[in-house]
PDB file of N, CA and C in Angstrom:
ATOM      1  N   TYR A   1     109.502  66.976  52.089  1.00  0.00           N
ATOM      2  CA  TYR A   1     109.095  68.269  52.690  1.00  0.00           C
ATOM      3  C   TYR A   1     110.188  69.306  52.525  1.00  0.00           C
ATOM      4  N   ASN A   2     109.714  70.473  52.301  1.00  0.00           N
ATOM      5  CA  ASN A   2     110.712  71.563  52.141  1.00  0.00           C
ATOM      6  C   ASN A   2     110.987  72.169  53.493  1.00  0.00           C
ATOM      7  N   THR A   3     111.751  71.414  54.280  1.00  0.00           N
ATOM      8  CA  THR A   3     112.124  71.781  55.591  1.00  0.00           C
ATOM      9  C   THR A   3     113.646  71.499  55.770  1.00  0.00           C
ATOM     10  N   PRO A   4     114.278  71.949  56.770  1.00  0.00           N
ATOM     11  CA  PRO A   4     115.791  71.755  56.882  1.00  0.00           C
ATOM     12  C   PRO A   4     116.199  70.349  56.739  1.00  0.00           C
ATOM     13  N   ASP A   5     115.445  69.384  57.330  1.00  0.00           N
ATOM     14  CA  ASP A   5     115.904  67.982  57.290  1.00  0.00           C
ATOM     15  C   ASP A   5     115.008  67.088  56.438  1.00  0.00           C
ATOM     16  N   GLY A   6     114.003  67.716  55.790  1.00  0.00           N
ATOM     17  CA  GLY A   6     113.196  66.968  54.866  1.00  0.00           C
ATOM     18  C   GLY A   6     112.004  66.239  55.513  1.00  0.00           C
ATOM     19  N   THR A   7     111.836  66.461  56.841  1.00  0.00           N
ATOM     20  CA  THR A   7     110.671  65.865  57.559  1.00  0.00           C
ATOM     21  C   THR A   7     109.765  66.932  58.050  1.00  0.00           C
ATOM     22  N   CYS A   8     108.523  66.556  58.202  1.00  0.00           N
ATOM     23  CA  CYS A   8     107.542  67.539  58.663  1.00  0.00           C
ATOM     24  C   CYS A   8     107.794  68.133  60.066  1.00  0.00           C
ATOM     25  N   ILE A   9     107.277  69.317  60.302  1.00  0.00           N
ATOM     26  CA  ILE A   9     107.511  69.996  61.572  1.00  0.00           C
ATOM     27  C   ILE A   9     106.165  70.150  62.299  1.00  0.00           C
ATOM     28  N   ARG A  10     106.191  69.765  63.571  1.00  0.00           N
ATOM     29  CA  ARG A  10     104.953  69.879  64.382  1.00  0.00           C
ATOM     30  C   ARG A  10     105.278  70.500  65.724  1.00  0.00           C
ATOM     31  N   ASP A  11     104.274  70.851  66.517  1.00  0.00           N
ATOM     32  CA  ASP A  11     104.368  71.389  67.911  1.00  0.00           C
ATOM     33  C   ASP A  11     104.157  70.300  68.818  1.00  0.00           C
ATOM     34  N   TYR A  12     105.113  69.954  69.681  1.00  0.00           N
ATOM     35  CA  TYR A  12     104.889  68.788  70.604  1.00  0.00           C
ATOM     36  C   TYR A  12     104.789  69.446  72.035  1.00  0.00           C
ATOM     37  N   ILE A  13     103.713  69.122  72.692  1.00  0.00           N
ATOM     38  CA  ILE A  13     103.512  69.689  74.068  1.00  0.00           C
ATOM     39  C   ILE A  13     103.374  68.564  75.065  1.00  0.00           C
ATOM     40  N   ASN A  14     103.919  68.864  76.245  1.00  0.00           N
ATOM     41  CA  ASN A  14     103.819  67.928  77.377  1.00  0.00           C
ATOM     42  C   ASN A  14     102.365  67.732  77.809  1.00  0.00           C
ATOM     43  N   VAL A  15     101.893  66.572  78.163  1.00  0.00           N
ATOM     44  CA  VAL A  15     100.511  66.346  78.524  1.00  0.00           C
ATOM     45  C   VAL A  15     100.176  67.100  79.836  1.00  0.00           C
ATOM     46  N   VAL A  16     101.101  67.265  80.717  1.00  0.00           N
ATOM     47  CA  VAL A  16     100.884  67.966  81.953  1.00  0.00           C
ATOM     48  C   VAL A  16     100.662  69.501  81.627  1.00  0.00           C
ATOM     49  N   ASP A  17     101.463  70.034  80.738  1.00  0.00           N
ATOM     50  CA  ASP A  17     101.252  71.447  80.333  1.00  0.00           C
ATOM     51  C   ASP A  17      99.895  71.625  79.696  1.00  0.00           C
ATOM     52  N   LEU A  18      99.506  70.660  78.858  1.00  0.00           N
ATOM     53  CA  LEU A  18      98.213  70.734  78.208  1.00  0.00           C
ATOM     54  C   LEU A  18      97.078  70.707  79.244  1.00  0.00           C
ATOM     55  N   ALA A  19      97.228  69.817  80.223  1.00  0.00           N
ATOM     56  CA  ALA A  19      96.180  69.663  81.269  1.00  0.00           C
ATOM     57  C   ALA A  19      96.066  70.993  82.015  1.00  0.00           C
ATOM     58  N   LYS A  20      97.232  71.593  82.387  1.00  0.00           N
ATOM     59  CA  LYS A  20      97.224  72.859  83.080  1.00  0.00           C
ATOM     60  C   LYS A  20      96.479  73.944  82.350  1.00  0.00           C
ATOM     61  N   ALA A  21      96.655  73.927  81.007  1.00  0.00           N
ATOM     62  CA  ALA A  21      95.996  74.910  80.180  1.00  0.00           C
ATOM     63  C   ALA A  21      94.437  74.691  80.196  1.00  0.00           C
ATOM     64  N   HIS A  22      94.030  73.422  80.262  1.00  0.00           N
ATOM     65  CA  HIS A  22      92.637  73.168  80.358  1.00  0.00           C
ATOM     66  C   HIS A  22      92.064  73.607  81.684  1.00  0.00           C
ATOM     67  N   VAL A  23      92.761  73.452  82.783  1.00  0.00           N
ATOM     68  CA  VAL A  23      92.331  73.932  84.043  1.00  0.00           C
ATOM     69  C   VAL A  23      92.206  75.399  84.045  1.00  0.00           C
ATOM     70  N   LYS A  24      93.215  76.096  83.530  1.00  0.00           N
ATOM     71  CA  LYS A  24      93.169  77.571  83.427  1.00  0.00           C
ATOM     72  C   LYS A  24      91.940  78.073  82.592  1.00  0.00           C
ATOM     73  N   ALA A  25      91.689  77.340  81.527  1.00  0.00           N
ATOM     74  CA  ALA A  25      90.528  77.731  80.652  1.00  0.00           C
ATOM     75  C   ALA A  25      89.213  77.552  81.398  1.00  0.00           C
ATOM     76  N   ILE A  26      89.117  76.452  82.173  1.00  0.00           N
ATOM     77  CA  ILE A  26      87.934  76.216  82.867  1.00  0.00           C
ATOM     78  C   ILE A  26      87.744  77.284  83.957  1.00  0.00           C
ATOM     79  N   GLU A  27      88.844  77.612  84.657  1.00  0.00           N
ATOM     80  CA  GLU A  27      88.740  78.679  85.659  1.00  0.00           C
ATOM     81  C   GLU A  27      88.305  79.934  85.023  1.00  0.00           C
ATOM     82  N   ARG A  28      88.805  80.319  83.830  1.00  0.00           N
ATOM     83  CA  ARG A  28      88.403  81.537  83.144  1.00  0.00           C
ATOM     84  C   ARG A  28      86.926  81.539  82.765  1.00  0.00           C
ATOM     85  N   LEU A  29      86.524  80.355  82.315  1.00  0.00           N
ATOM     86  CA  LEU A  29      85.106  80.173  81.998  1.00  0.00           C
ATOM     87  C   LEU A  29      84.197  80.543  83.173  1.00  0.00           C
ATOM     88  N   PHE A  30      84.561  80.111  84.296  1.00  0.00           N
ATOM     89  CA  PHE A  30      83.725  80.316  85.500  1.00  0.00           C
ATOM     90  C   PHE A  30      83.943  81.565  86.396  1.00  0.00           C
ATOM     91  N   ASP A  31      85.018  82.304  85.937  1.00  0.00           N
ATOM     92  CA  ASP A  31      85.273  83.526  86.783  1.00  0.00           C
ATOM     93  C   ASP A  31      84.457  84.705  86.482  1.00  0.00           C
ATOM     94  N   GLY A  32      83.557  84.624  85.433  1.00  0.00           N
ATOM     95  CA  GLY A  32      82.647  85.684  85.132  1.00  0.00           C
ATOM     96  C   GLY A  32      83.189  86.772  84.256  1.00  0.00           C
ATOM     97  N   LYS A  33      84.469  86.776  83.922  1.00  0.00           N
ATOM     98  CA  LYS A  33      85.020  87.846  83.158  1.00  0.00           C
ATOM     99  C   LYS A  33      84.955  87.660  81.661  1.00  0.00           C
ATOM    100  N   MET A  34      84.595  86.446  81.155  1.00  0.00           N
ATOM    101  CA  MET A  34      84.615  86.165  79.715  1.00  0.00           C
ATOM    102  C   MET A  34      83.343  86.732  79.153  1.00  0.00           C
ATOM    103  N   LYS A  35      83.466  87.662  78.216  1.00  0.00           N
ATOM    104  CA  LYS A  35      82.294  88.326  77.590  1.00  0.00           C
ATOM    105  C   LYS A  35      81.690  87.503  76.482  1.00  0.00           C
ATOM    106  N   LYS A  36      82.494  86.741  75.730  1.00  0.00           N
ATOM    107  CA  LYS A  36      82.119  85.943  74.658  1.00  0.00           C
ATOM    108  C   LYS A  36      83.007  84.696  74.602  1.00  0.00           C
ATOM    109  N   PRO A  37      82.600  83.623  73.918  1.00  0.00           N
ATOM    110  CA  PRO A  37      83.425  82.496  73.771  1.00  0.00           C
ATOM    111  C   PRO A  37      84.832  82.868  73.288  1.00  0.00           C
ATOM    112  N   GLU A  38      85.806  82.188  73.854  1.00  0.00           N
ATOM    113  CA  GLU A  38      87.189  82.384  73.491  1.00  0.00           C
ATOM    114  C   GLU A  38      87.819  81.080  73.011  1.00  0.00           C
ATOM    115  N   ILE A  39      88.591  81.190  72.009  1.00  0.00           N
ATOM    116  CA  ILE A  39      89.318  79.969  71.466  1.00  0.00           C
ATOM    117  C   ILE A  39      90.787  80.171  71.600  1.00  0.00           C
ATOM    118  N   TYR A  40      91.443  79.173  72.261  1.00  0.00           N
ATOM    119  CA  TYR A  40      92.831  79.303  72.521  1.00  0.00           C
ATOM    120  C   TYR A  40      93.665  78.213  71.700  1.00  0.00           C
ATOM    121  N   ASN A  41      94.803  78.651  71.244  1.00  0.00           N
ATOM    122  CA  ASN A  41      95.736  77.748  70.566  1.00  0.00           C
ATOM    123  C   ASN A  41      96.743  77.253  71.655  1.00  0.00           C
ATOM    124  N   ILE A  42      96.622  76.044  72.013  1.00  0.00           N
ATOM    125  CA  ILE A  42      97.519  75.558  73.060  1.00  0.00           C
ATOM    126  C   ILE A  42      98.635  74.809  72.489  1.00  0.00           C
ATOM    127  N   GLY A  43      99.805  75.200  72.807  1.00  0.00           N
ATOM    128  CA  GLY A  43     101.064  74.570  72.358  1.00  0.00           C
ATOM    129  C   GLY A  43     102.317  75.233  72.868  1.00  0.00           C
ATOM    130  N   THR A  44     103.458  74.837  72.394  1.00  0.00           N
ATOM    131  CA  THR A  44     104.638  75.498  72.814  1.00  0.00           C
ATOM    132  C   THR A  44     105.039  76.742  72.041  1.00  0.00           C
ATOM    133  N   GLY A  45     104.447  76.796  70.870  1.00  0.00           N
ATOM    134  CA  GLY A  45     104.750  77.893  69.859  1.00  0.00           C
ATOM    135  C   GLY A  45     106.050  77.615  69.130  1.00  0.00           C
ATOM    136  N   LYS A  46     106.596  76.432  69.294  1.00  0.00           N
ATOM    137  CA  LYS A  46     107.808  76.035  68.605  1.00  0.00           C
ATOM    138  C   LYS A  46     107.617  74.799  67.882  1.00  0.00           C
ATOM    139  N   GLY A  47     108.211  74.645  66.720  1.00  0.00           N
ATOM    140  CA  GLY A  47     108.087  73.399  65.934  1.00  0.00           C
ATOM    141  C   GLY A  47     109.332  72.602  66.018  1.00  0.00           C
ATOM    142  N   ALA A  48     109.167  71.314  65.960  1.00  0.00           N
ATOM    143  CA  ALA A  48     110.260  70.393  65.899  1.00  0.00           C
ATOM    144  C   ALA A  48     109.990  69.388  64.789  1.00  0.00           C
ATOM    145  N   SER A  49     110.960  69.007  63.997  1.00  0.00           N
ATOM    146  CA  SER A  49     110.766  68.065  62.879  1.00  0.00           C
ATOM    147  C   SER A  49     110.705  66.671  63.457  1.00  0.00           C
ATOM    148  N   VAL A  50     110.159  65.788  62.666  1.00  0.00           N
ATOM    149  CA  VAL A  50     110.127  64.362  62.996  1.00  0.00           C
ATOM    150  C   VAL A  50     111.579  63.816  63.269  1.00  0.00           C
ATOM    151  N   MET A  51     112.513  64.245  62.455  1.00  0.00           N
ATOM    152  CA  MET A  51     113.853  63.851  62.629  1.00  0.00           C
ATOM    153  C   MET A  51     114.451  64.381  63.980  1.00  0.00           C
ATOM    154  N   GLU A  52     114.147  65.635  64.301  1.00  0.00           N
ATOM    155  CA  GLU A  52     114.550  66.185  65.550  1.00  0.00           C
ATOM    156  C   GLU A  52     113.963  65.352  66.744  1.00  0.00           C
ATOM    157  N   VAL A  53     112.666  64.908  66.625  1.00  0.00           N
ATOM    158  CA  VAL A  53     112.042  64.112  67.694  1.00  0.00           C
ATOM    159  C   VAL A  53     112.893  62.797  67.815  1.00  0.00           C
ATOM    160  N   ILE A  54     113.176  62.181  66.692  1.00  0.00           N
ATOM    161  CA  ILE A  54     113.984  60.967  66.738  1.00  0.00           C
ATOM    162  C   ILE A  54     115.344  61.115  67.421  1.00  0.00           C
ATOM    163  N   LYS A  55     116.023  62.076  66.947  1.00  0.00           N
ATOM    164  CA  LYS A  55     117.435  62.365  67.411  1.00  0.00           C
ATOM    165  C   LYS A  55     117.397  62.782  68.949  1.00  0.00           C
ATOM    166  N   THR A  56     116.435  63.635  69.244  1.00  0.00           N
ATOM    167  CA  THR A  56     116.387  64.017  70.703  1.00  0.00           C
ATOM    168  C   THR A  56     115.943  62.887  71.589  1.00  0.00           C
ATOM    169  N   PHE A  57     114.968  62.073  71.106  1.00  0.00           N
ATOM    170  CA  PHE A  57     114.629  60.897  71.928  1.00  0.00           C
ATOM    171  C   PHE A  57     115.758  60.005  72.085  1.00  0.00           C
ATOM    172  N   GLU A  58     116.539  59.759  71.046  1.00  0.00           N
ATOM    173  CA  GLU A  58     117.696  58.812  71.124  1.00  0.00           C
ATOM    174  C   GLU A  58     118.695  59.409  72.269  1.00  0.00           C
ATOM    175  N   ALA A  59     118.873  60.731  72.195  1.00  0.00           N
ATOM    176  CA  ALA A  59     119.802  61.346  73.109  1.00  0.00           C
ATOM    177  C   ALA A  59     119.348  61.260  74.619  1.00  0.00           C
ATOM    178  N   VAL A  60     118.056  61.499  74.867  1.00  0.00           N
ATOM    179  CA  VAL A  60     117.574  61.498  76.217  1.00  0.00           C
ATOM    180  C   VAL A  60     117.338  60.050  76.794  1.00  0.00           C
ATOM    181  N   SER A  61     116.999  59.179  75.894  1.00  0.00           N
ATOM    182  CA  SER A  61     116.724  57.796  76.406  1.00  0.00           C
ATOM    183  C   SER A  61     117.871  56.815  76.294  1.00  0.00           C
ATOM    184  N   GLY A  62     118.864  57.159  75.470  1.00  0.00           N
ATOM    185  CA  GLY A  62     119.954  56.248  75.254  1.00  0.00           C
ATOM    186  C   GLY A  62     119.619  55.119  74.406  1.00  0.00           C
ATOM    187  N   LYS A  63     118.484  55.151  73.760  1.00  0.00           N
ATOM    188  CA  LYS A  63     117.978  54.068  72.849  1.00  0.00           C
ATOM    189  C   LYS A  63     118.041  54.514  71.421  1.00  0.00           C
ATOM    190  N   ARG A  64     118.421  53.571  70.534  1.00  0.00           N
ATOM    191  CA  ARG A  64     118.405  53.903  69.089  1.00  0.00           C
ATOM    192  C   ARG A  64     116.994  53.595  68.588  1.00  0.00           C
ATOM    193  N   VAL A  65     116.541  54.472  67.740  1.00  0.00           N
ATOM    194  CA  VAL A  65     115.211  54.368  67.138  1.00  0.00           C
ATOM    195  C   VAL A  65     115.371  53.946  65.649  1.00  0.00           C
ATOM    196  N   PRO A  66     114.930  52.737  65.370  1.00  0.00           N
ATOM    197  CA  PRO A  66     114.975  52.432  63.924  1.00  0.00           C
ATOM    198  C   PRO A  66     113.851  53.141  63.218  1.00  0.00           C
ATOM    199  N   TYR A  67     114.179  53.593  62.064  1.00  0.00           N
ATOM    200  CA  TYR A  67     113.162  54.277  61.327  1.00  0.00           C
ATOM    201  C   TYR A  67     113.464  54.099  59.774  1.00  0.00           C
ATOM    202  N   GLU A  68     112.464  54.388  59.019  1.00  0.00           N
ATOM    203  CA  GLU A  68     112.503  54.310  57.573  1.00  0.00           C
ATOM    204  C   GLU A  68     111.891  55.611  57.034  1.00  0.00           C
ATOM    205  N   VAL A  69     112.510  56.238  56.174  1.00  0.00           N
ATOM    206  CA  VAL A  69     111.924  57.438  55.527  1.00  0.00           C
ATOM    207  C   VAL A  69     111.157  56.944  54.249  1.00  0.00           C
ATOM    208  N   VAL A  70     109.851  57.335  54.209  1.00  0.00           N
ATOM    209  CA  VAL A  70     109.029  56.883  53.115  1.00  0.00           C
ATOM    210  C   VAL A  70     108.369  58.126  52.484  1.00  0.00           C
ATOM    211  N   GLY A  71     107.637  57.942  51.514  1.00  0.00           N
ATOM    212  CA  GLY A  71     106.996  59.040  50.721  1.00  0.00           C
ATOM    213  C   GLY A  71     106.097  59.877  51.628  1.00  0.00           C
ATOM    214  N   ARG A  72     105.861  61.033  51.170  1.00  0.00           N
ATOM    215  CA  ARG A  72     104.969  62.003  51.834  1.00  0.00           C
ATOM    216  C   ARG A  72     103.524  61.511  51.774  1.00  0.00           C
ATOM    217  N   ARG A  73     102.751  61.675  52.809  1.00  0.00           N
ATOM    218  CA  ARG A  73     101.368  61.342  52.872  1.00  0.00           C
ATOM    219  C   ARG A  73     100.504  62.356  52.054  1.00  0.00           C
ATOM    220  N   GLU A  74      99.632  62.003  51.299  1.00  0.00           N
ATOM    221  CA  GLU A  74      98.807  63.004  50.600  1.00  0.00           C
ATOM    222  C   GLU A  74      98.086  63.861  51.583  1.00  0.00           C
ATOM    223  N   GLY A  75      98.145  65.138  51.313  1.00  0.00           N
ATOM    224  CA  GLY A  75      97.446  66.126  52.072  1.00  0.00           C
ATOM    225  C   GLY A  75      98.207  66.595  53.373  1.00  0.00           C
ATOM    226  N   ASP A  76      99.308  65.994  53.669  1.00  0.00           N
ATOM    227  CA  ASP A  76     100.043  66.323  54.831  1.00  0.00           C
ATOM    228  C   ASP A  76     100.740  67.711  54.679  1.00  0.00           C
ATOM    229  N   ILE A  77     100.528  68.597  55.613  1.00  0.00           N
ATOM    230  CA  ILE A  77     101.231  69.900  55.595  1.00  0.00           C
ATOM    231  C   ILE A  77     102.598  69.713  56.155  1.00  0.00           C
ATOM    232  N   GLU A  78     103.519  70.548  55.638  1.00  0.00           N
ATOM    233  CA  GLU A  78     104.906  70.351  56.043  1.00  0.00           C
ATOM    234  C   GLU A  78     105.236  71.009  57.434  1.00  0.00           C
ATOM    235  N   ARG A  79     104.584  72.069  57.730  1.00  0.00           N
ATOM    236  CA  ARG A  79     104.907  72.838  58.935  1.00  0.00           C
ATOM    237  C   ARG A  79     103.624  73.292  59.639  1.00  0.00           C
ATOM    238  N   VAL A  80     103.491  73.005  60.875  1.00  0.00           N
ATOM    239  CA  VAL A  80     102.397  73.561  61.612  1.00  0.00           C
ATOM    240  C   VAL A  80     102.726  73.537  63.192  1.00  0.00           C
ATOM    241  N   TRP A  81     102.511  74.725  63.813  1.00  0.00           N
ATOM    242  CA  TRP A  81     102.719  74.767  65.257  1.00  0.00           C
ATOM    243  C   TRP A  81     101.718  75.831  65.793  1.00  0.00           C
ATOM    244  N   ALA A  82     101.528  75.711  67.115  1.00  0.00           N
ATOM    245  CA  ALA A  82     100.622  76.607  67.748  1.00  0.00           C
ATOM    246  C   ALA A  82     101.164  78.054  67.894  1.00  0.00           C
ATOM    247  N   ASN A  83     100.182  79.009  68.043  1.00  0.00           N
ATOM    248  CA  ASN A  83     100.530  80.386  68.454  1.00  0.00           C
ATOM    249  C   ASN A  83      99.775  80.594  69.796  1.00  0.00           C
ATOM    250  N   PRO A  84     100.439  80.296  70.873  1.00  0.00           N
ATOM    251  CA  PRO A  84      99.760  80.353  72.212  1.00  0.00           C
ATOM    252  C   PRO A  84      99.654  81.745  72.853  1.00  0.00           C
ATOM    253  N   ALA A  85      99.824  82.759  72.012  1.00  0.00           N
ATOM    254  CA  ALA A  85      99.823  84.154  72.566  1.00  0.00           C
ATOM    255  C   ALA A  85      98.541  84.506  73.315  1.00  0.00           C
ATOM    256  N   LEU A  86      97.420  84.104  72.808  1.00  0.00           N
ATOM    257  CA  LEU A  86      96.138  84.471  73.486  1.00  0.00           C
ATOM    258  C   LEU A  86      96.061  83.732  74.826  1.00  0.00           C
ATOM    259  N   ALA A  87      96.411  82.497  74.848  1.00  0.00           N
ATOM    260  CA  ALA A  87      96.492  81.722  76.066  1.00  0.00           C
ATOM    261  C   ALA A  87      97.470  82.218  77.064  1.00  0.00           C
ATOM    262  N   ASN A  88      98.561  82.691  76.589  1.00  0.00           N
ATOM    263  CA  ASN A  88      99.580  83.327  77.414  1.00  0.00           C
ATOM    264  C   ASN A  88      98.930  84.544  78.123  1.00  0.00           C
ATOM    265  N   LYS A  89      98.279  85.369  77.364  1.00  0.00           N
ATOM    266  CA  LYS A  89      97.673  86.606  77.788  1.00  0.00           C
ATOM    267  C   LYS A  89      96.418  86.416  78.698  1.00  0.00           C
ATOM    268  N   LYS A  90      95.466  85.741  78.164  1.00  0.00           N
ATOM    269  CA  LYS A  90      94.146  85.616  78.893  1.00  0.00           C
ATOM    270  C   LYS A  90      94.132  84.598  79.982  1.00  0.00           C
ATOM    271  N   LEU A  91      94.927  83.548  79.832  1.00  0.00           N
ATOM    272  CA  LEU A  91      94.882  82.483  80.855  1.00  0.00           C
ATOM    273  C   LEU A  91      96.112  82.543  81.677  1.00  0.00           C
ATOM    274  N   ASN A  92      97.034  83.452  81.441  1.00  0.00           N
ATOM    275  CA  ASN A  92      98.338  83.507  82.198  1.00  0.00           C
ATOM    276  C   ASN A  92      98.896  82.077  82.179  1.00  0.00           C
ATOM    277  N   TRP A  93      99.034  81.550  81.040  1.00  0.00           N
ATOM    278  CA  TRP A  93      99.540  80.180  80.861  1.00  0.00           C
ATOM    279  C   TRP A  93     100.636  80.115  79.835  1.00  0.00           C
ATOM    280  N   GLN A  94     101.538  79.288  80.011  1.00  0.00           N
ATOM    281  CA  GLN A  94     102.487  78.948  78.964  1.00  0.00           C
ATOM    282  C   GLN A  94     103.119  77.650  79.215  1.00  0.00           C
ATOM    283  N   ALA A  95     103.483  76.937  78.159  1.00  0.00           N
ATOM    284  CA  ALA A  95     104.116  75.544  78.308  1.00  0.00           C
ATOM    285  C   ALA A  95     105.426  75.771  79.122  1.00  0.00           C
ATOM    286  N   GLU A  96     105.622  74.864  80.081  1.00  0.00           N
ATOM    287  CA  GLU A  96     106.763  74.959  80.970  1.00  0.00           C
ATOM    288  C   GLU A  96     107.794  73.887  80.776  1.00  0.00           C
ATOM    289  N   THR A  97     107.384  72.714  80.238  1.00  0.00           N
ATOM    290  CA  THR A  97     108.196  71.526  80.175  1.00  0.00           C
ATOM    291  C   THR A  97     109.012  71.574  78.828  1.00  0.00           C
ATOM    292  N   SER A  98     110.324  71.325  78.934  1.00  0.00           N
ATOM    293  CA  SER A  98     111.132  71.336  77.783  1.00  0.00           C
ATOM    294  C   SER A  98     110.834  70.187  76.827  1.00  0.00           C
ATOM    295  N   PHE A  99     111.184  70.318  75.677  1.00  0.00           N
ATOM    296  CA  PHE A  99     110.965  69.257  74.603  1.00  0.00           C
ATOM    297  C   PHE A  99     111.778  67.966  75.051  1.00  0.00           C
ATOM    298  N   GLU A 100     112.934  68.096  75.586  1.00  0.00           N
ATOM    299  CA  GLU A 100     113.734  66.962  76.015  1.00  0.00           C
ATOM    300  C   GLU A 100     113.086  66.314  77.229  1.00  0.00           C
ATOM    301  N   GLU A 101     112.571  67.086  78.167  1.00  0.00           N
ATOM    302  CA  GLU A 101     111.918  66.455  79.365  1.00  0.00           C
ATOM    303  C   GLU A 101     110.627  65.819  78.943  1.00  0.00           C
ATOM    304  N   THR A 102     109.921  66.373  77.972  1.00  0.00           N
ATOM    305  CA  THR A 102     108.665  65.771  77.525  1.00  0.00           C
ATOM    306  C   THR A 102     108.884  64.412  76.883  1.00  0.00           C
ATOM    307  N   LEU A 103     109.923  64.305  76.063  1.00  0.00           N
ATOM    308  CA  LEU A 103     110.282  62.993  75.487  1.00  0.00           C
ATOM    309  C   LEU A 103     110.780  62.043  76.471  1.00  0.00           C
ATOM    310  N   LEU A 104     111.636  62.494  77.439  1.00  0.00           N
ATOM    311  CA  LEU A 104     112.075  61.568  78.525  1.00  0.00           C
ATOM    312  C   LEU A 104     110.929  61.130  79.400  1.00  0.00           C
ATOM    313  N   SER A 105     110.007  61.959  79.752  1.00  0.00           N
ATOM    314  CA  SER A 105     108.872  61.511  80.628  1.00  0.00           C
ATOM    315  C   SER A 105     108.009  60.479  79.851  1.00  0.00           C
ATOM    316  N   ALA A 106     107.839  60.777  78.565  1.00  0.00           N
ATOM    317  CA  ALA A 106     107.039  59.797  77.775  1.00  0.00           C
ATOM    318  C   ALA A 106     107.785  58.432  77.742  1.00  0.00           C
ATOM    319  N   TRP A 107     109.052  58.451  77.601  1.00  0.00           N
ATOM    320  CA  TRP A 107     109.806  57.131  77.608  1.00  0.00           C
ATOM    321  C   TRP A 107     109.716  56.491  78.945  1.00  0.00           C
ATOM    322  N   ARG A 108     109.850  57.193  80.027  1.00  0.00           N
ATOM    323  CA  ARG A 108     109.763  56.608  81.394  1.00  0.00           C
ATOM    324  C   ARG A 108     108.401  56.096  81.681  1.00  0.00           C
ATOM    325  N   TRP A 109     107.299  56.702  81.201  1.00  0.00           N
ATOM    326  CA  TRP A 109     105.988  56.210  81.280  1.00  0.00           C
ATOM    327  C   TRP A 109     105.829  54.957  80.513  1.00  0.00           C
ATOM    328  N   GLN A 110     106.418  54.889  79.298  1.00  0.00           N
ATOM    329  CA  GLN A 110     106.271  53.648  78.483  1.00  0.00           C
ATOM    330  C   GLN A 110     106.960  52.492  79.136  1.00  0.00           C
ATOM    331  N   GLU A 111     108.181  52.777  79.712  1.00  0.00           N
ATOM    332  CA  GLU A 111     108.852  51.681  80.484  1.00  0.00           C
ATOM    333  C   GLU A 111     107.998  51.065  81.554  1.00  0.00           C
ATOM    334  N   VAL A 112     107.292  51.932  82.327  1.00  0.00           N
ATOM    335  CA  VAL A 112     106.436  51.489  83.410  1.00  0.00           C
ATOM    336  C   VAL A 112     105.341  50.632  82.867  1.00  0.00           C
ATOM    337  N   VAL A 113     104.680  51.102  81.816  1.00  0.00           N
ATOM    338  CA  VAL A 113     103.620  50.381  81.135  1.00  0.00           C
ATOM    339  C   VAL A 113     104.078  49.021  80.691  1.00  0.00           C
ATOM    340  N   ASN A 114     105.242  48.972  80.057  1.00  0.00           N
ATOM    341  CA  ASN A 114     105.829  47.745  79.560  1.00  0.00           C
ATOM    342  C   ASN A 114     106.058  46.740  80.737  1.00  0.00           C
ATOM    343  N   LYS A 115     106.572  47.270  81.788  1.00  0.00           N
ATOM    344  CA  LYS A 115     106.785  46.314  82.955  1.00  0.00           C
ATOM    345  C   LYS A 115     105.517  45.779  83.531  1.00  0.00           C
ATOM    346  N   ARG A 116     104.464  46.599  83.541  1.00  0.00           N
ATOM    347  CA  ARG A 116     103.156  46.169  84.107  1.00  0.00           C
ATOM    348  C   ARG A 116     102.498  45.134  83.151  1.00  0.00           C
ATOM    349  N   THR A 117     102.690  45.085  81.892  1.00  0.00           N
ATOM    350  CA  THR A 117     102.029  44.304  80.961  1.00  0.00           C
ATOM    351  C   THR A 117     102.750  42.952  80.716  1.00  0.00           C
ATOM    352  N   LYS A 118     103.951  42.793  81.364  1.00  0.00           N
ATOM    353  CA  LYS A 118     104.701  41.552  81.184  1.00  0.00           C
ATOM    354  C   LYS A 118     104.323  40.501  82.214  1.00  0.00           C
TER     355      LYS A 118
END
């Protein structure tokens, strides 16, 4: 990929932030102010590369992530992230959880799941 570290860039959002956006959208749907259907791009508006995800996860979890760099998948775009400006304006919403906290909460959840399945 033609990116700073050679890995694709995506927008990663915390599931709680995403759920809050859904609630705001439903509230707007039923408040009677919507004149026509509206489509919102929900995300942080910031991209992070796969390598940034790995390195940040390692930093917040204290765990090493084994990985292997392989060839690019056919049709995979190198950079994509949300533009949440309309959701910010119309829903009075924005993602609140940091990238680091999102990864840490995902790790903590996985630890709980692993304990329950043993």
